Amino acid sequence: MKFRKKPVVIEARQTGLDYDDDLSILAWCGGHVPHPDALDGTDYLFSIFTLEGELWVSSGDWIICGVKGEFYACKPDIFDATYEACAPDEVNESIRQVPCPSCGQPMWNVQPQCNRAACAPGDVNEEKT
């Protein structure tokens, strides 16, 4: 059988275009900048926490916020083959940013909590006994 992706509006931002934009993207997706020694000469900008675990992001990659508020990276050629810009009237206004109930950082209202490492499942404001 063959399948077609459902027409869903997502938010995406491309990395590596501007330093200030990269900082904004980093804050938006809850990314992590490692110590330069840890990069060992790679072209990685930062890492993000996805449903599959930590993922390294290179310059030019697109960071996508999925329909349930999850983040993932996409290589530019795959992004161009899969997505196209949409008109403002196609945007689903029911998905919006709200403060994380645990840390107050911005998150999407369809997420149970933000994607910051500090808010990882099971670690959110739990009392240590």
Protein backbone atom coordinates (compact mmCIF):
# COMPACT_ATOMS: atom_id res chain seq x y z
CA MET A 1 0.00 0.00 0.00
CA LYS A 2 1.05 3.61 -0.48
CA PHE A 3 0.37 6.48 1.88
CA ARG A 4 0.39 10.27 1.72
CA LYS A 5 1.22 12.54 4.64
CA LYS A 6 -1.77 14.38 6.04
CA PRO A 7 -1.66 18.13 5.40
CA VAL A 8 -0.56 19.36 8.82
CA VAL A 9 0.85 22.78 9.57
CA ILE A 10 4.10 22.66 11.56
CA GLU A 11 6.49 25.32 12.78
CA ALA A 12 10.08 24.99 11.58
CA ARG A 13 13.21 27.11 11.77
CA GLN A 14 16.46 26.68 9.86
CA THR A 15 19.78 26.77 11.70
CA GLY A 16 23.08 28.22 10.58
CA LEU A 17 21.75 31.36 8.91
CA ASP A 18 22.43 33.87 11.67
CA TYR A 19 23.99 33.65 15.13
CA ASP A 20 21.10 35.46 16.86
CA ASP A 21 18.57 33.24 15.05
CA ASP A 22 20.48 30.16 16.20
CA LEU A 23 20.32 31.39 19.81
CA SER A 24 16.57 31.91 19.42
CA ILE A 25 16.15 28.41 17.95
CA LEU A 26 18.24 26.94 20.76
CA ALA A 27 15.95 28.53 23.38
CA TRP A 28 12.80 27.61 21.43
CA CYS A 29 13.56 23.88 21.25
CA GLY A 30 15.37 23.51 24.59
CA GLY A 31 18.64 22.60 22.93
CA HIS A 32 22.02 22.08 24.59
CA VAL A 33 25.38 23.58 23.60
CA PRO A 34 28.21 21.23 24.55
CA HIS A 35 31.70 22.24 25.61
CA PRO A 36 33.82 22.85 22.47
CA ASP A 37 36.17 19.99 23.39
CA ALA A 38 33.23 17.57 23.20
CA LEU A 39 32.60 18.42 19.55
CA ASP A 40 35.97 17.03 18.43
CA GLY A 41 36.12 19.06 15.20
CA THR A 42 32.56 18.29 14.01
CA ASP A 43 30.28 20.91 12.45
CA TYR A 44 27.52 20.39 15.04
CA LEU A 45 25.90 23.55 16.42
CA PHE A 46 24.02 22.04 19.35
CA SER A 47 21.93 19.04 20.37
CA ILE A 48 18.18 18.74 20.90
CA PHE A 49 16.16 16.24 22.89
CA THR A 50 13.78 14.30 20.64
CA LEU A 51 11.38 11.43 21.28
CA GLU A 52 14.22 9.13 20.17
CA GLY A 53 16.82 10.74 22.45
CA GLU A 54 19.53 13.35 21.98
CA LEU A 55 20.15 14.43 18.37
CA TRP A 56 23.01 16.59 17.09
CA VAL A 57 22.10 19.51 14.84
CA SER A 58 24.35 20.75 12.02
CA SER A 59 24.36 24.12 10.32
CA GLY A 60 21.54 24.25 7.75
CA ASP A 61 19.34 21.65 9.48
CA TRP A 62 15.71 22.52 10.08
CA ILE A 63 14.31 22.17 13.60
CA ILE A 64 10.67 21.13 13.44
CA CYS A 65 8.03 21.28 16.14
CA GLY A 66 5.64 18.41 15.42
CA VAL A 67 1.90 18.26 15.90
CA LYS A 68 2.23 17.19 19.55
CA GLY A 69 4.93 19.72 20.43
CA GLU A 70 7.83 17.33 19.94
CA PHE A 71 11.04 18.61 18.34
CA TYR A 72 13.19 16.93 15.75
CA ALA A 73 15.78 17.90 13.14
CA CYS A 74 15.50 17.49 9.39
CA LYS A 75 18.23 17.80 6.74
CA PRO A 76 17.61 20.63 4.25
CA ASP A 77 17.12 18.38 1.19
CA ILE A 78 14.52 16.24 2.98
CA PHE A 79 12.77 19.34 4.32
CA ASP A 80 12.58 20.89 0.83
CA ALA A 81 11.14 17.66 -0.61
CA THR A 82 8.58 17.28 2.18
CA TYR A 83 7.40 20.74 3.23
CA GLU A 84 6.28 23.99 1.64
CA ALA A 85 5.48 27.36 3.17
CA CYS A 86 1.82 27.88 4.01
CA ALA A 87 -0.36 30.95 3.96
CA PRO A 88 -1.03 32.65 7.32
CA ASP A 89 -4.71 31.66 7.18
CA GLU A 90 -3.71 27.96 7.16
CA VAL A 91 -2.06 28.14 10.56
CA ASN A 92 -3.80 26.20 13.31
CA GLU A 93 -4.30 28.80 16.04
CA SER A 94 -5.29 26.16 18.58
CA ILE A 95 -1.61 25.20 18.94
CA ARG A 96 0.18 27.99 20.79
CA GLN A 97 3.01 28.59 23.23
CA VAL A 98 2.29 28.55 26.96
CA PRO A 99 4.58 28.47 30.02
CA CYS A 100 5.79 25.04 31.17
CA PRO A 101 4.04 24.19 34.47
CA SER A 102 7.32 22.92 35.92
CA CYS A 103 9.91 25.52 34.93
CA GLY A 104 7.98 28.37 33.29
CA GLN A 105 9.89 28.17 30.00
CA PRO A 106 7.87 28.46 26.77
CA MET A 107 6.39 25.22 25.44
CA TRP A 108 3.57 24.23 23.09
CA ASN A 109 0.17 23.70 24.70
CA VAL A 110 -0.03 20.17 23.24
CA GLN A 111 3.05 19.02 25.22
CA PRO A 112 2.81 17.54 28.72
CA GLN A 113 5.96 19.53 29.63
CA CYS A 114 8.76 21.39 27.87
CA ASN A 115 11.67 19.64 26.15
CA ARG A 116 14.39 20.99 28.43
CA ALA A 117 16.58 18.33 29.99
CA ALA A 118 15.66 19.70 33.43
CA CYS A 119 12.03 18.80 32.74
CA ALA A 120 12.67 15.27 31.53
CA PRO A 121 9.83 12.83 32.37
CA GLY A 122 10.09 11.62 35.96
CA ASP A 123 12.34 14.50 37.02
CA VAL A 124 9.81 17.31 37.11
CA ASN A 125 9.86 18.93 40.55
CA GLU A 126 9.92 15.58 42.29
CA GLU A 127 10.85 15.50 45.94
CA LYS A 128 14.01 13.50 46.65
CA THR A 129 13.54 11.19 49.64
